[in-house]
Amino acid sequence: MLFKDVLVDESLKKRLISLVKENRISHAQLFLAPAGSHAFALAMAYAQYICCEHPGEDDSCGVCPSCAKFAKLSHPDVHIIFPNCTTTEVKKDPVFTKFAAKFRQFVLDHNYHIDINDWLMELGGENKQAFINTRDCSYIVNQNSIKSYEGGYKIYILWSADRLYRDAAPKLLKTLEEPENKTLFILITENTDKMLTTILSRTQLVKIPKLKTEVIQQQLTKDFNISEEEAADVAVLADGNYNRAIELINDE
């Protein structure tokens, strides 16, 4: 994912790029995003820029071996952790690694505009509670003691971090506070009220602003080939939520 393809405020992109250039990357960052934002895409673009072999002034090169792996969501040093639960296919001891291929395809099919409810439907667990559980956290702790495959950063992206199971969260505290060198944690959430204060206190807050109506309008005309007038009407109704805008287009 390139920064140029992420629907987010340009000043925020520049701030993240500056952190990389100035070698001021905080080891644990919390992306607080409104519903329907492109937060996961932003996290991936940020990670890709950090790992890019030939980064430019404003974006990753997009063609180096590292960027090619990011395009497939398959970089070995980037671990994407997400809520999961038992399903008809995984009847016990669920862990995110068992659903990794399904999640990658889910992200690509939705062009990174992902929502927890859509993921639960894809997972087949929409009637159940899905969490980032103790097995997921144990995986992170174990991986943290292993050197990166490609000699650069190891990056952990926890999507829907507010679903970090309360019994599991304490397992991450020491790792979040004292990770190995060149380790980055990006926690993504829409609701910090559901997260433990001990987790919040160990992260640097990055607030992602709500999408502007004109940004949604422009993107809708590009993605759906609709008139500017129709895109403008949908953008107003979406109220900063691009996922909602997509739903409105599909409903029509």
Protein backbone atom coordinates (compact mmCIF):
# COMPACT_ATOMS: atom_id res chain seq x y z
CA MET A 1 0.00 0.00 0.00
CA LEU A 2 1.41 3.35 -1.07
CA PHE A 3 0.76 6.55 0.85
CA LYS A 4 -0.69 8.12 -2.31
CA ASP A 5 -3.50 5.54 -2.28
CA VAL A 6 -4.48 6.08 1.36
CA LEU A 7 -7.55 8.21 2.08
CA VAL A 8 -6.26 10.27 4.96
CA ASP A 9 -5.19 13.84 5.69
CA GLU A 10 -2.00 14.70 3.79
CA SER A 11 -0.43 16.40 6.80
CA LEU A 12 -0.65 13.14 8.76
CA LYS A 13 1.10 11.23 5.98
CA LYS A 14 3.90 13.81 5.98
CA ARG A 15 4.23 13.57 9.76
CA LEU A 16 4.66 9.79 9.64
CA ILE A 17 7.17 10.06 6.80
CA SER A 18 9.13 12.63 8.79
CA LEU A 19 9.33 10.27 11.75
CA VAL A 20 10.94 7.65 9.52
CA LYS A 21 13.38 10.07 7.90
CA GLU A 22 14.42 11.53 11.26
CA ASN A 23 14.69 8.09 12.89
CA ARG A 24 12.14 9.06 15.54
CA ILE A 25 9.79 6.07 15.22
CA SER A 26 8.10 5.38 18.53
CA HIS A 27 8.11 1.63 19.19
CA ALA A 28 4.40 1.50 20.11
CA GLN A 29 1.79 3.68 18.40
CA LEU A 30 -1.97 3.76 18.75
CA PHE A 31 -3.90 4.78 15.63
CA LEU A 32 -7.21 6.19 16.90
CA ALA A 33 -9.51 6.34 13.91
CA PRO A 34 -13.16 7.25 13.30
CA ALA A 35 -15.43 4.61 11.75
CA GLY A 36 -14.97 4.15 8.03
CA SER A 37 -11.48 5.61 7.91
CA HIS A 38 -8.57 4.13 5.96
CA ALA A 39 -6.63 3.41 9.17
CA PHE A 40 -5.47 -0.08 8.27
CA ALA A 41 -4.27 1.14 4.87
CA LEU A 42 -2.37 3.95 6.60
CA ALA A 43 -0.68 1.49 8.95
CA MET A 44 0.36 -0.69 6.01
CA ALA A 45 1.65 2.29 3.99
CA TYR A 46 3.65 3.42 7.03
CA ALA A 47 5.11 -0.05 7.51
CA GLN A 48 5.89 -0.34 3.80
CA TYR A 49 7.74 2.99 3.81
CA ILE A 50 9.80 1.88 6.82
CA CYS A 51 10.78 -1.37 5.09
CA CYS A 52 11.18 0.01 1.55
CA GLU A 53 14.66 -0.50 0.09
CA HIS A 54 14.53 2.70 -1.99
CA PRO A 55 12.07 5.10 -0.31
CA GLY A 56 11.36 8.41 -2.01
CA GLU A 57 10.67 11.78 -0.47
CA ASP A 58 6.93 11.20 -0.20
CA ASP A 59 6.33 7.48 -0.67
CA SER A 60 7.70 3.97 -0.98
CA CYS A 61 9.26 3.03 -4.30
CA GLY A 62 6.57 0.40 -4.94
CA VAL A 63 8.86 -1.87 -6.96
CA CYS A 64 11.61 -3.22 -4.68
CA PRO A 65 11.34 -6.80 -3.33
CA SER A 66 10.05 -5.50 0.00
CA CYS A 67 7.28 -3.44 -1.63
CA ALA A 68 6.34 -6.42 -3.82
CA LYS A 69 5.77 -8.49 -0.67
CA PHE A 70 3.68 -5.72 0.86
CA ALA A 71 1.46 -5.69 -2.23
CA LYS A 72 0.57 -9.30 -1.41
CA LEU A 73 0.42 -8.68 2.36
CA SER A 74 3.11 -11.32 2.70
CA HIS A 75 6.17 -9.54 4.10
CA PRO A 76 7.77 -11.97 6.61
CA ASP A 77 8.62 -9.23 9.12
CA VAL A 78 5.13 -7.71 9.20
CA HIS A 79 2.68 -9.56 11.43
CA ILE A 80 -0.99 -8.62 11.10
CA ILE A 81 -3.01 -9.65 14.14
CA PHE A 82 -6.81 -9.42 14.11
CA PRO A 83 -9.85 -10.68 16.07
CA ASN A 84 -10.79 -14.30 15.53
CA CYS A 85 -13.05 -16.97 16.99
CA THR A 86 -14.14 -20.55 16.54
CA THR A 87 -15.84 -21.30 13.23
CA THR A 88 -17.08 -24.34 11.34
CA GLU A 89 -13.53 -24.73 10.01
CA VAL A 90 -11.68 -23.99 13.27
CA LYS A 91 -13.68 -25.64 16.01
CA LYS A 92 -11.31 -25.03 18.93
CA ASP A 93 -8.22 -23.06 19.96
CA PRO A 94 -8.59 -20.29 17.37
CA VAL A 95 -5.52 -18.20 16.62
CA PHE A 96 -5.08 -15.52 13.96
CA THR A 97 -2.51 -17.54 12.00
CA LYS A 98 -5.20 -20.07 11.08
CA PHE A 99 -7.17 -17.31 9.34
CA ALA A 100 -4.25 -15.33 7.87
CA ALA A 101 -4.90 -16.28 4.22
CA LYS A 102 -8.60 -15.51 4.57
CA PHE A 103 -7.87 -12.14 6.15
CA ARG A 104 -5.37 -11.18 3.45
CA GLN A 105 -7.94 -11.92 0.75
CA PHE A 106 -10.59 -10.02 2.72
CA VAL A 107 -8.38 -6.93 2.83
CA LEU A 108 -7.50 -7.08 -0.86
CA ASP A 109 -11.11 -7.72 -1.93
CA HIS A 110 -12.23 -4.64 0.02
CA ASN A 111 -9.33 -2.47 -1.16
CA TYR A 112 -8.29 -1.99 2.48
CA HIS A 113 -11.69 -0.44 3.39
CA ILE A 114 -12.31 -2.99 6.11
CA ASP A 115 -14.84 -3.12 8.92
CA ILE A 116 -15.08 -5.49 11.88
CA ASN A 117 -18.68 -6.49 11.10
CA ASP A 118 -17.79 -7.34 7.50
CA TRP A 119 -14.83 -9.38 8.78
CA LEU A 120 -17.05 -11.33 11.18
CA MET A 121 -19.40 -12.17 8.32
CA GLU A 122 -16.43 -13.30 6.22
CA LEU A 123 -15.14 -15.31 9.14
CA GLY A 124 -18.49 -16.96 9.67
CA GLY A 125 -18.52 -15.86 13.29
CA GLU A 126 -20.95 -12.95 13.09
CA ASN A 127 -23.03 -14.40 15.91
CA LYS A 128 -20.02 -14.84 18.18
CA GLN A 129 -17.58 -12.64 20.04
CA ALA A 130 -14.23 -12.37 18.27
CA PHE A 131 -11.10 -11.34 20.14
CA ILE A 132 -7.34 -11.03 19.89
CA ASN A 133 -6.79 -13.83 22.38
CA THR A 134 -4.06 -15.27 24.61
CA ARG A 135 -2.73 -17.52 21.82
CA ASP A 136 -2.36 -14.49 19.56
CA CYS A 137 -0.47 -12.62 22.29
CA SER A 138 1.78 -15.60 22.97
CA TYR A 139 2.67 -15.61 19.27
CA ILE A 140 3.69 -11.95 19.49
CA VAL A 141 5.80 -12.48 22.60
CA ASN A 142 7.57 -15.47 21.05
CA GLN A 143 8.20 -13.66 17.75
CA ASN A 144 9.61 -10.68 19.58
CA SER A 145 12.60 -12.76 20.67
CA ILE A 146 13.40 -13.80 17.09
CA LYS A 147 15.51 -11.68 14.75
CA SER A 148 13.81 -10.17 11.72
CA TYR A 149 14.08 -12.22 8.53
CA GLU A 150 15.35 -9.36 6.39
CA GLY A 151 17.46 -7.50 8.93
CA GLY A 152 15.20 -4.48 9.29
CA TYR A 153 12.18 -3.71 11.40
CA LYS A 154 9.75 -6.24 12.81
CA ILE A 155 6.28 -4.71 12.71
CA TYR A 156 3.14 -5.90 14.48
CA ILE A 157 -0.17 -4.41 13.37
CA LEU A 158 -3.05 -5.14 15.75
CA TRP A 159 -6.27 -4.32 13.92
CA SER A 160 -9.35 -3.69 16.09
CA ALA A 161 -7.12 -3.54 19.15
CA ASP A 162 -10.12 -2.73 21.35
CA ARG A 163 -10.94 -6.43 20.98
CA LEU A 164 -7.72 -7.37 22.73
CA TYR A 165 -9.08 -9.84 25.27
CA ARG A 166 -8.63 -8.50 28.80
CA ASP A 167 -7.07 -11.72 30.07
CA ALA A 168 -4.68 -11.68 27.11
CA ALA A 169 -3.63 -8.02 27.20
CA PRO A 170 -1.32 -8.31 30.24
CA LYS A 171 0.84 -10.78 28.30
CA LEU A 172 1.84 -7.91 26.00
CA LEU A 173 2.68 -5.27 28.60
CA LYS A 174 6.38 -6.07 29.04
CA THR A 175 6.85 -6.56 25.29
CA LEU A 176 5.17 -3.24 24.53
CA GLU A 177 7.29 -1.47 27.12
CA GLU A 178 10.62 -3.10 26.30
CA PRO A 179 10.54 -4.59 22.80
CA GLU A 180 13.58 -5.79 20.93
CA ASN A 181 15.49 -3.22 18.89
CA LYS A 182 13.84 -2.17 15.62
CA THR A 183 10.40 -3.34 16.65
CA LEU A 184 7.23 -1.37 15.93
CA PHE A 185 3.75 -2.01 17.29
CA ILE A 186 0.80 -0.30 15.61
CA LEU A 187 -2.50 -0.74 17.41
CA ILE A 188 -5.60 0.36 15.48
CA THR A 189 -8.88 1.15 17.21
CA GLU A 190 -12.05 3.21 16.91
CA ASN A 191 -12.70 3.11 20.64
CA THR A 192 -10.06 3.57 23.33
CA ASP A 193 -12.72 3.28 26.06
CA LYS A 194 -12.68 -0.49 25.57
CA MET A 195 -8.92 -0.76 26.03
CA LEU A 196 -6.93 -1.24 29.21
CA THR A 197 -5.25 1.91 30.50
CA THR A 198 -2.05 -0.09 30.97
CA ILE A 199 -1.99 -0.70 27.20
CA LEU A 200 -2.88 2.89 26.35
CA SER A 201 -0.15 4.27 28.61
CA ARG A 202 2.50 2.33 26.68
CA THR A 203 1.58 3.73 23.28
CA GLN A 204 1.99 7.03 21.48
CA LEU A 205 -1.37 8.34 20.25
CA VAL A 206 -1.82 9.10 16.55
CA LYS A 207 -5.25 10.62 15.86
CA ILE A 208 -6.65 10.04 12.38
CA PRO A 209 -9.12 12.79 11.43
CA LYS A 210 -12.53 12.07 9.94
CA LEU A 211 -12.57 12.11 6.14
CA LYS A 212 -13.71 15.34 4.57
CA THR A 213 -16.85 15.27 2.44
CA GLU A 214 -14.99 16.45 -0.67
CA VAL A 215 -12.38 13.69 -0.27
CA ILE A 216 -15.11 11.04 -0.15
CA GLN A 217 -16.82 12.64 -3.15
CA GLN A 218 -13.66 12.55 -5.25
CA GLN A 219 -12.88 8.96 -4.30
CA LEU A 220 -16.42 7.78 -5.09
CA THR A 221 -16.26 9.22 -8.61
CA LYS A 222 -12.96 7.39 -9.09
CA ASP A 223 -14.02 4.05 -7.55
CA PHE A 224 -17.57 3.80 -8.90
CA ASN A 225 -17.62 5.97 -12.03
CA ILE A 226 -20.65 7.95 -10.88
CA SER A 227 -21.51 11.57 -11.47
CA GLU A 228 -20.11 14.29 -9.24
CA GLU A 229 -23.64 15.21 -8.16
CA GLU A 230 -24.48 11.68 -7.02
CA ALA A 231 -21.09 11.34 -5.33
CA ALA A 232 -21.67 14.62 -3.49
CA ASP A 233 -25.06 13.44 -2.17
CA VAL A 234 -23.63 10.14 -0.96
CA ALA A 235 -20.60 11.83 0.60
CA VAL A 236 -22.82 14.10 2.69
CA LEU A 237 -24.88 11.15 3.93
CA ALA A 238 -21.74 9.13 4.70
CA ASP A 239 -20.56 11.82 7.14
CA GLY A 240 -16.87 10.97 6.95
CA ASN A 241 -17.36 7.19 6.81
CA TYR A 242 -16.15 5.79 3.49
CA ASN A 243 -17.38 2.30 4.30
CA ARG A 244 -20.84 3.78 4.79
CA ALA A 245 -20.50 5.55 1.44
CA ILE A 246 -19.77 2.22 -0.24
CA GLU A 247 -22.85 0.70 1.41
CA LEU A 248 -25.02 3.55 0.14
CA ILE A 249 -23.72 3.13 -3.40
CA ASN A 250 -24.35 -0.62 -3.30
CA ASP A 251 -27.82 -0.14 -1.85
CA GLU A 252 -28.73 2.15 -4.72
